[in-house]
C-alpha atoms as a PDB file:
ATOM      1  CA  UNK A   1      41.423   6.090  23.323  1.00  0.00           C
ATOM      2  CA  UNK A   2      42.320   2.770  21.658  1.00  0.00           C
ATOM      3  CA  UNK A   3      40.721  -0.623  22.211  1.00  0.00           C
ATOM      4  CA  UNK A   4      43.955  -1.760  23.847  1.00  0.00           C
ATOM      5  CA  UNK A   5      43.885   1.164  26.292  1.00  0.00           C
ATOM      6  CA  UNK A   6      40.264   0.444  27.214  1.00  0.00           C
ATOM      7  CA  UNK A   7      41.076  -3.229  27.734  1.00  0.00           C
ATOM      8  CA  UNK A   8      44.008  -2.807  30.100  1.00  0.00           C
ATOM      9  CA  UNK A   9      42.101  -0.185  32.106  1.00  0.00           C
ATOM     10  CA  UNK A  10      39.136  -2.566  32.342  1.00  0.00           C
ATOM     11  CA  UNK A  11      41.314  -5.533  33.346  1.00  0.00           C
ATOM     12  CA  UNK A  12      43.087  -3.485  36.009  1.00  0.00           C
ATOM     13  CA  UNK A  13      39.726  -2.398  37.427  1.00  0.00           C
ATOM     14  CA  UNK A  14      38.594  -6.051  37.566  1.00  0.00           C
ATOM     15  CA  UNK A  15      41.668  -6.894  39.592  1.00  0.00           C
ATOM     16  CA  UNK A  16      41.016  -3.870  41.843  1.00  0.00           C
ATOM     17  CA  UNK A  17      44.640  -2.772  41.729  1.00  0.00           C
ATOM     18  CA  UNK A  18      46.300   0.581  41.109  1.00  0.00           C
ATOM     19  CA  UNK A  19      48.336   1.741  38.119  1.00  0.00           C
ATOM     20  CA  UNK A  20      51.391   1.712  40.371  1.00  0.00           C
ATOM     21  CA  UNK A  21      50.873  -1.976  41.215  1.00  0.00           C
ATOM     22  CA  UNK A  22      50.605  -2.867  37.534  1.00  0.00           C
ATOM     23  CA  UNK A  23      53.678  -0.782  36.707  1.00  0.00           C
ATOM     24  CA  UNK A  24      55.672  -2.512  39.433  1.00  0.00           C
ATOM     25  CA  UNK A  25      54.665  -5.892  38.024  1.00  0.00           C
ATOM     26  CA  UNK A  26      55.864  -4.770  34.601  1.00  0.00           C
ATOM     27  CA  UNK A  27      59.073  -3.234  36.011  1.00  0.00           C
ATOM     28  CA  UNK A  28      58.286   0.193  34.544  1.00  0.00           C
ATOM     29  CA  UNK A  29      57.289   3.546  36.033  1.00  0.00           C
ATOM     30  CA  UNK A  30      53.675   4.405  36.863  1.00  0.00           C
ATOM     31  CA  UNK A  31      53.780   7.421  34.554  1.00  0.00           C
ATOM     32  CA  UNK A  32      54.883   5.266  31.647  1.00  0.00           C
ATOM     33  CA  UNK A  33      52.093   2.754  32.271  1.00  0.00           C
ATOM     34  CA  UNK A  34      49.498   5.532  32.699  1.00  0.00           C
ATOM     35  CA  UNK A  35      50.257   6.741  29.160  1.00  0.00           C
ATOM     36  CA  UNK A  36      49.330   3.280  27.831  1.00  0.00           C
ATOM     37  CA  UNK A  37      45.974   3.406  29.600  1.00  0.00           C
ATOM     38  CA  UNK A  38      45.351   6.961  28.411  1.00  0.00           C
ATOM     39  CA  UNK A  39      46.188   6.019  24.826  1.00  0.00           C
ATOM     40  CA  UNK A  40      48.969   8.584  24.616  1.00  0.00           C
ATOM     41  CA  UNK A  41      51.674   5.991  23.925  1.00  0.00           C
ATOM     42  CA  UNK A  42      51.766   2.452  22.539  1.00  0.00           C
ATOM     43  CA  UNK A  43      53.900  -0.173  24.323  1.00  0.00           C
ATOM     44  CA  UNK A  44      56.883  -1.725  22.505  1.00  0.00           C
ATOM     45  CA  UNK A  45      56.744  -5.482  21.815  1.00  0.00           C
ATOM     46  CA  UNK A  46      58.548  -6.519  25.017  1.00  0.00           C
ATOM     47  CA  UNK A  47      56.169  -4.491  27.206  1.00  0.00           C
ATOM     48  CA  UNK A  48      53.148  -5.729  25.267  1.00  0.00           C
ATOM     49  CA  UNK A  49      54.222  -9.302  26.011  1.00  0.00           C
ATOM     50  CA  UNK A  50      54.727  -8.413  29.696  1.00  0.00           C
ATOM     51  CA  UNK A  51      51.237  -6.872  29.879  1.00  0.00           C
ATOM     52  CA  UNK A  52      49.762  -9.976  28.247  1.00  0.00           C
ATOM     53  CA  UNK A  53      51.420 -12.194  30.857  1.00  0.00           C
ATOM     54  CA  UNK A  54      50.486  -9.897  33.729  1.00  0.00           C
ATOM     55  CA  UNK A  55      46.769  -9.962  32.913  1.00  0.00           C
ATOM     56  CA  UNK A  56      46.847 -13.554  31.559  1.00  0.00           C
ATOM     57  CA  UNK A  57      45.176 -12.519  28.313  1.00  0.00           C
ATOM     58  CA  UNK A  58      46.513 -13.198  24.813  1.00  0.00           C
ATOM     59  CA  UNK A  59      47.953 -10.255  22.875  1.00  0.00           C
ATOM     60  CA  UNK A  60      45.527 -10.937  20.036  1.00  0.00           C
ATOM     61  CA  UNK A  61      42.526 -10.470  22.341  1.00  0.00           C
ATOM     62  CA  UNK A  62      44.039  -7.425  24.041  1.00  0.00           C
ATOM     63  CA  UNK A  63      44.398  -5.718  20.670  1.00  0.00           C
ATOM     64  CA  UNK A  64      41.291  -6.847  18.815  1.00  0.00           C
ATOM     65  CA  UNK A  65      38.447  -7.691  21.231  1.00  0.00           C
ATOM     66  CA  UNK A  66      36.414  -5.390  23.454  1.00  0.00           C
ATOM     67  CA  UNK A  67      36.954  -7.131  26.785  1.00  0.00           C
ATOM     68  CA  UNK A  68      33.955  -5.482  28.440  1.00  0.00           C
ATOM     69  CA  UNK A  69      31.667  -7.510  26.165  1.00  0.00           C
ATOM     70  CA  UNK A  70      33.258 -10.863  26.974  1.00  0.00           C
ATOM     71  CA  UNK A  71      31.647 -12.976  29.732  1.00  0.00           C
ATOM     72  CA  UNK A  72      34.911 -14.027  31.364  1.00  0.00           C
ATOM     73  CA  UNK A  73      33.340 -17.110  32.925  1.00  0.00           C
ATOM     74  CA  UNK A  74      32.571 -18.505  29.474  1.00  0.00           C
ATOM     75  CA  UNK A  75      36.153 -18.377  28.195  1.00  0.00           C
ATOM     76  CA  UNK A  76      38.318 -21.456  27.898  1.00  0.00           C
ATOM     77  CA  UNK A  77      41.530 -21.012  29.871  1.00  0.00           C
ATOM     78  CA  UNK A  78      44.570 -22.834  28.563  1.00  0.00           C
ATOM     79  CA  UNK A  79      48.122 -23.240  29.781  1.00  0.00           C
ATOM     80  CA  UNK A  80      49.126 -20.366  32.028  1.00  0.00           C
ATOM     81  CA  UNK A  81      45.867 -18.643  31.082  1.00  0.00           C
ATOM     82  CA  UNK A  82      47.358 -16.329  28.454  1.00  0.00           C
ATOM     83  CA  UNK A  83      45.409 -17.914  25.614  1.00  0.00           C
ATOM     84  CA  UNK A  84      41.637 -17.625  25.741  1.00  0.00           C
ATOM     85  CA  UNK A  85      38.978 -19.001  23.417  1.00  0.00           C
ATOM     86  CA  UNK A  86      35.284 -18.137  23.419  1.00  0.00           C
ATOM     87  CA  UNK A  87      33.320 -21.325  24.087  1.00  0.00           C
ATOM     88  CA  UNK A  88      29.659 -22.300  24.128  1.00  0.00           C
ATOM     89  CA  UNK A  89      27.979 -24.717  26.525  1.00  0.00           C
ATOM     90  CA  UNK A  90      24.637 -26.534  26.655  1.00  0.00           C
ATOM     91  CA  UNK A  91      22.127 -26.452  29.505  1.00  0.00           C
ATOM     92  CA  UNK A  92      24.151 -29.088  31.356  1.00  0.00           C
ATOM     93  CA  UNK A  93      27.330 -27.029  31.149  1.00  0.00           C
ATOM     94  CA  UNK A  94      28.985 -29.343  28.600  1.00  0.00           C
ATOM     95  CA  UNK A  95      31.051 -27.792  25.810  1.00  0.00           C
ATOM     96  CA  UNK A  96      29.343 -27.594  22.429  1.00  0.00           C
ATOM     97  CA  UNK A  97      31.152 -28.004  19.100  1.00  0.00           C
ATOM     98  CA  UNK A  98      30.933 -24.989  16.837  1.00  0.00           C
ATOM     99  CA  UNK A  99      30.580 -25.772  13.117  1.00  0.00           C
ATOM    100  CA  UNK A 100      32.361 -23.441  10.696  1.00  0.00           C
ATOM    101  CA  UNK A 101      30.204 -23.588   7.529  1.00  0.00           C
ATOM    102  CA  UNK A 102      31.785 -23.196   4.103  1.00  0.00           C
ATOM    103  CA  UNK A 103      30.248 -19.744   3.671  1.00  0.00           C
ATOM    104  CA  UNK A 104      31.789 -18.553   6.968  1.00  0.00           C
ATOM    105  CA  UNK A 105      35.239 -20.013   6.281  1.00  0.00           C
ATOM    106  CA  UNK A 106      36.703 -16.726   5.045  1.00  0.00           C
ATOM    107  CA  UNK A 107      35.304 -14.824   8.028  1.00  0.00           C
ATOM    108  CA  UNK A 108      36.882 -17.174  10.551  1.00  0.00           C
ATOM    109  CA  UNK A 109      40.271 -15.457  10.313  1.00  0.00           C
ATOM    110  CA  UNK A 110      38.806 -12.251  11.695  1.00  0.00           C
ATOM    111  CA  UNK A 111      36.134 -13.811  13.897  1.00  0.00           C
ATOM    112  CA  UNK A 112      37.897 -16.723  15.610  1.00  0.00           C
ATOM    113  CA  UNK A 113      38.443 -14.707  18.832  1.00  0.00           C
ATOM    114  CA  UNK A 114      35.158 -12.779  18.651  1.00  0.00           C
ATOM    115  CA  UNK A 115      32.550 -14.217  21.072  1.00  0.00           C
ATOM    116  CA  UNK A 116      29.685 -12.812  19.004  1.00  0.00           C
ATOM    117  CA  UNK A 117      30.952 -14.545  15.850  1.00  0.00           C
ATOM    118  CA  UNK A 118      31.436 -17.868  17.672  1.00  0.00           C
ATOM    119  CA  UNK A 119      28.005 -17.608  19.278  1.00  0.00           C
ATOM    120  CA  UNK A 120      26.394 -17.081  15.852  1.00  0.00           C
ATOM    121  CA  UNK A 121      27.662 -20.444  14.566  1.00  0.00           C
ATOM    122  CA  UNK A 122      25.655 -23.659  14.573  1.00  0.00           C
ATOM    123  CA  UNK A 123      26.516 -26.158  17.313  1.00  0.00           C
ATOM    124  CA  UNK A 124      26.479 -29.890  17.843  1.00  0.00           C
ATOM    125  CA  UNK A 125      27.322 -32.160  20.759  1.00  0.00           C
ATOM    126  CA  UNK A 126      29.471 -35.300  20.512  1.00  0.00           C
ATOM    127  CA  UNK A 127      29.874 -36.543  24.102  1.00  0.00           C
ATOM    128  CA  UNK A 128      32.124 -39.454  23.089  1.00  0.00           C
ATOM    129  CA  UNK A 129      34.941 -37.041  22.212  1.00  0.00           C
ATOM    130  CA  UNK A 130      35.723 -36.489  25.893  1.00  0.00           C
ATOM    131  CA  UNK A 131      37.569 -33.540  27.401  1.00  0.00           C
ATOM    132  CA  UNK A 132      38.990 -30.636  25.457  1.00  0.00           C
ATOM    133  CA  UNK A 133      37.717 -27.849  23.233  1.00  0.00           C
ATOM    134  CA  UNK A 134      36.500 -29.086  19.850  1.00  0.00           C
ATOM    135  CA  UNK A 135      35.464 -27.318  16.643  1.00  0.00           C
ATOM    136  CA  UNK A 136      34.357 -28.551  13.179  1.00  0.00           C
ATOM    137  CA  UNK A 137      35.981 -27.158  10.023  1.00  0.00           C
ATOM    138  CA  UNK A 138      34.921 -27.595   6.367  1.00  0.00           C
ATOM    139  CA  UNK A 139      36.982 -29.643   3.920  1.00  0.00           C
ATOM    140  CA  UNK A 140      37.835 -28.275   0.476  1.00  0.00           C
ATOM    141  CA  UNK A 141      39.940 -29.678  -2.334  1.00  0.00           C
ATOM    142  CA  UNK A 142      41.474 -33.112  -2.908  1.00  0.00           C
ATOM    143  CA  UNK A 143      44.780 -32.824  -1.057  1.00  0.00           C
ATOM    144  CA  UNK A 144      43.737 -34.999   1.915  1.00  0.00           C
ATOM    145  CA  UNK A 145      41.828 -38.075   0.703  1.00  0.00           C
ATOM    146  CA  UNK A 146      39.506 -39.724   1.606  1.00  0.00           C
ATOM    147  CA  UNK A 147      38.013 -36.483   2.988  1.00  0.00           C
ATOM    148  CA  UNK A 148      35.983 -34.715   0.298  1.00  0.00           C
ATOM    149  CA  UNK A 149      34.277 -31.400  -0.338  1.00  0.00           C
ATOM    150  CA  UNK A 150      31.202 -31.019   1.846  1.00  0.00           C
ATOM    151  CA  UNK A 151      32.573 -33.004   4.780  1.00  0.00           C
ATOM    152  CA  UNK A 152      33.856 -31.607   8.064  1.00  0.00           C
ATOM    153  CA  UNK A 153      36.915 -32.313  10.201  1.00  0.00           C
ATOM    154  CA  UNK A 154      36.388 -32.101  13.963  1.00  0.00           C
ATOM    155  CA  UNK A 155      39.529 -30.965  15.771  1.00  0.00           C
ATOM    156  CA  UNK A 156      40.639 -30.628  19.384  1.00  0.00           C
ATOM    157  CA  UNK A 157      42.372 -27.361  20.254  1.00  0.00           C
ATOM    158  CA  UNK A 158      46.150 -27.658  20.646  1.00  0.00           C
ATOM    159  CA  UNK A 159      47.876 -25.064  22.784  1.00  0.00           C
ATOM    160  CA  UNK A 160      51.481 -25.281  21.612  1.00  0.00           C
ATOM    161  CA  UNK A 161      53.938 -26.962  19.262  1.00  0.00           C
ATOM    162  CA  UNK A 162      54.981 -29.390  21.973  1.00  0.00           C
ATOM    163  CA  UNK A 163      51.679 -31.235  21.589  1.00  0.00           C
ATOM    164  CA  UNK A 164      52.089 -31.727  17.834  1.00  0.00           C
ATOM    165  CA  UNK A 165      52.991 -35.331  16.988  1.00  0.00           C
ATOM    166  CA  UNK A 166      54.912 -36.095  13.795  1.00  0.00           C
ATOM    167  CA  UNK A 167      52.809 -37.788  11.150  1.00  0.00           C
ATOM    168  CA  UNK A 168      49.408 -36.888  12.603  1.00  0.00           C
ATOM    169  CA  UNK A 169      46.861 -34.624  10.917  1.00  0.00           C
ATOM    170  CA  UNK A 170      45.832 -31.171  12.120  1.00  0.00           C
ATOM    171  CA  UNK A 171      43.726 -28.201  11.096  1.00  0.00           C
ATOM    172  CA  UNK A 172      45.966 -25.140  10.871  1.00  0.00           C
ATOM    173  CA  UNK A 173      44.625 -21.605  11.029  1.00  0.00           C
ATOM    174  CA  UNK A 174      47.280 -19.388   9.448  1.00  0.00           C
ATOM    175  CA  UNK A 175      47.477 -15.729   8.520  1.00  0.00           C
ATOM    176  CA  UNK A 176      48.632 -16.637   5.007  1.00  0.00           C
ATOM    177  CA  UNK A 177      46.490 -19.608   3.947  1.00  0.00           C
ATOM    178  CA  UNK A 178      43.530 -19.417   6.327  1.00  0.00           C
ATOM    179  CA  UNK A 179      42.092 -22.832   7.228  1.00  0.00           C
ATOM    180  CA  UNK A 180      44.130 -25.816   5.975  1.00  0.00           C
ATOM    181  CA  UNK A 181      44.061 -29.502   6.903  1.00  0.00           C
ATOM    182  CA  UNK A 182      47.450 -31.233   6.648  1.00  0.00           C
ATOM    183  CA  UNK A 183      49.709 -33.926   8.069  1.00  0.00           C
ATOM    184  CA  UNK A 184      52.408 -32.229  10.141  1.00  0.00           C
ATOM    185  CA  UNK A 185      56.054 -32.890  10.952  1.00  0.00           C
ATOM    186  CA  UNK A 186      58.503 -30.834  12.957  1.00  0.00           C
ATOM    187  CA  UNK A 187      61.685 -29.727  11.223  1.00  0.00           C
ATOM    188  CA  UNK A 188      63.782 -29.332  14.369  1.00  0.00           C
ATOM    189  CA  UNK A 189      63.320 -25.579  14.270  1.00  0.00           C
ATOM    190  CA  UNK A 190      60.471 -23.285  15.300  1.00  0.00           C
ATOM    191  CA  UNK A 191      58.527 -24.277  12.178  1.00  0.00           C
ATOM    192  CA  UNK A 192      56.313 -27.114  10.957  1.00  0.00           C
ATOM    193  CA  UNK A 193      56.278 -28.975   7.637  1.00  0.00           C
ATOM    194  CA  UNK A 194      52.785 -29.457   6.172  1.00  0.00           C
ATOM    195  CA  UNK A 195      52.250 -32.586   4.036  1.00  0.00           C
ATOM    196  CA  UNK A 196      49.286 -33.545   1.852  1.00  0.00           C
ATOM    197  CA  UNK A 197      48.226 -37.191   1.633  1.00  0.00           C
ATOM    198  CA  UNK A 198      47.725 -36.619  -2.098  1.00  0.00           C
ATOM    199  CA  UNK A 199      51.350 -36.855  -3.264  1.00  0.00           C
ATOM    200  CA  UNK A 200      50.666 -34.515  -6.172  1.00  0.00           C
ATOM    201  CA  UNK A 201      50.880 -31.612  -3.701  1.00  0.00           C
ATOM    202  CA  UNK A 202      54.418 -30.972  -2.388  1.00  0.00           C
ATOM    203  CA  UNK A 203      55.075 -30.338   1.320  1.00  0.00           C
ATOM    204  CA  UNK A 204      55.783 -26.805   2.492  1.00  0.00           C
ATOM    205  CA  UNK A 205      57.040 -25.105   5.670  1.00  0.00           C
ATOM    206  CA  UNK A 206      54.748 -23.184   8.009  1.00  0.00           C
ATOM    207  CA  UNK A 207      56.373 -20.554  10.225  1.00  0.00           C
ATOM    208  CA  UNK A 208      55.331 -20.454  13.859  1.00  0.00           C
ATOM    209  CA  UNK A 209      54.701 -16.726  13.611  1.00  0.00           C
ATOM    210  CA  UNK A 210      52.106 -17.369  10.879  1.00  0.00           C
ATOM    211  CA  UNK A 211      50.019 -19.804  12.969  1.00  0.00           C
ATOM    212  CA  UNK A 212      46.941 -18.523  14.780  1.00  0.00           C
ATOM    213  CA  UNK A 213      45.465 -21.854  15.933  1.00  0.00           C
ATOM    214  CA  UNK A 214      46.168 -25.599  15.735  1.00  0.00           C
ATOM    215  CA  UNK A 215      43.402 -28.228  16.038  1.00  0.00           C
ATOM    216  CA  UNK A 216      44.224 -31.946  16.215  1.00  0.00           C
ATOM    217  CA  UNK A 217      42.069 -34.307  14.142  1.00  0.00           C
ATOM    218  CA  UNK A 218      39.658 -36.373  16.259  1.00  0.00           C
ATOM    219  CA  UNK A 219      36.949 -37.406  13.763  1.00  0.00           C
ATOM    220  CA  UNK A 220      35.273 -36.449  10.513  1.00  0.00           C
ATOM    221  CA  UNK A 221      31.654 -35.863   9.528  1.00  0.00           C
ATOM    222  CA  UNK A 222      31.025 -36.968   5.954  1.00  0.00           C
ATOM    223  CA  UNK A 223      27.929 -37.095   3.778  1.00  0.00           C
ATOM    224  CA  UNK A 224      29.211 -39.310   0.987  1.00  0.00           C
ATOM    225  CA  UNK A 225      28.482 -43.032   1.271  1.00  0.00           C
ATOM    226  CA  UNK A 226      29.585 -44.096  -2.206  1.00  0.00           C
ATOM    227  CA  UNK A 227      31.770 -47.186  -2.451  1.00  0.00           C
ATOM    228  CA  UNK A 228      35.457 -46.393  -2.705  1.00  0.00           C
ATOM    229  CA  UNK A 229      36.914 -48.081  -5.785  1.00  0.00           C
ATOM    230  CA  UNK A 230      40.276 -47.668  -7.419  1.00  0.00           C
ATOM    231  CA  UNK A 231      39.840 -48.035 -11.154  1.00  0.00           C
ATOM    232  CA  UNK A 232      42.558 -48.630 -13.713  1.00  0.00           C
ATOM    233  CA  UNK A 233      41.927 -45.098 -14.967  1.00  0.00           C
ATOM    234  CA  UNK A 234      42.557 -43.739 -11.460  1.00  0.00           C
ATOM    235  CA  UNK A 235      45.830 -45.638 -11.274  1.00  0.00           C
ATOM    236  CA  UNK A 236      46.976 -44.171 -14.599  1.00  0.00           C
ATOM    237  CA  UNK A 237      45.931 -40.684 -13.503  1.00  0.00           C
ATOM    238  CA  UNK A 238      47.876 -41.050 -10.265  1.00  0.00           C
ATOM    239  CA  UNK A 239      50.936 -42.269 -12.169  1.00  0.00           C
ATOM    240  CA  UNK A 240      50.887 -39.238 -14.493  1.00  0.00           C
ATOM    241  CA  UNK A 241      50.361 -36.812 -11.602  1.00  0.00           C
ATOM    242  CA  UNK A 242      53.325 -38.313  -9.771  1.00  0.00           C
ATOM    243  CA  UNK A 243      55.428 -38.116 -12.947  1.00  0.00           C
ATOM    244  CA  UNK A 244      54.445 -34.459 -13.395  1.00  0.00           C
ATOM    245  CA  UNK A 245      55.433 -33.690  -9.835  1.00  0.00           C
ATOM    246  CA  UNK A 246      58.839 -35.354 -10.246  1.00  0.00           C
ATOM    247  CA  UNK A 247      59.469 -33.408 -13.486  1.00  0.00           C
ATOM    248  CA  UNK A 248      58.640 -30.156 -11.707  1.00  0.00           C
ATOM    249  CA  UNK A 249      61.059 -31.054  -8.912  1.00  0.00           C
ATOM    250  CA  UNK A 250      63.841 -31.742 -11.445  1.00  0.00           C
ATOM    251  CA  UNK A 251      63.168 -28.407 -13.182  1.00  0.00           C
ATOM    252  CA  UNK A 252      63.320 -26.529  -9.885  1.00  0.00           C
ATOM    253  CA  UNK A 253      66.675 -28.132  -9.046  1.00  0.00           C
ATOM    254  CA  UNK A 254      68.129 -27.126 -12.403  1.00  0.00           C
ATOM    255  CA  UNK A 255      67.123 -23.450 -12.041  1.00  0.00           C
END
């Protein structure tokens, strides 16, 4: 029996309803639904979506997390309750901020919905951030100055594209690129355009289907207190980088 089959059987038992009642809610026959619970058949995409909405659990969690091990009372419920995030709280019941260290960055793609992985992370509390679910992500590279390697971006969880504001910065968790921090703009379609503040890096589209999570920037935690100075050498370097980028753009247009 698959993890999915175990999960829907467990969720149905929690609701104390019969297979027939679930099947009626999904507008399918009881026999058809029973085969999903028994692991004999796998539901097509449209039925999988219907099951997700019926039990108010995200498809990702239905397919990849053993629901029996999740303390349901410690899950963050968002929107119409279909999207759930494991959360941690302190002794006063206030949400704690999980810190994704650099060494755990690669593992976040597979562990972001795993309560055991989230619980294993270090935590901090920043009461001034107010309501919402927050998480701290490591910064790498030079595409988003003044944030540098070794610092962390604290983000507030965003449920859907409708909350994304043009020109603001967000942490994106994508299937293709993993964790990235960019300035976002909508392109009028079901995609986003990711921009770097370092103009050397060109913008690129991000498909909605590739996005796992979006976290809005709320603050950063840095460990570098050196004075920020722009030297003449830096200005020349920036000029040459910009010139190189423009040449590359011209070459791409000619091909």
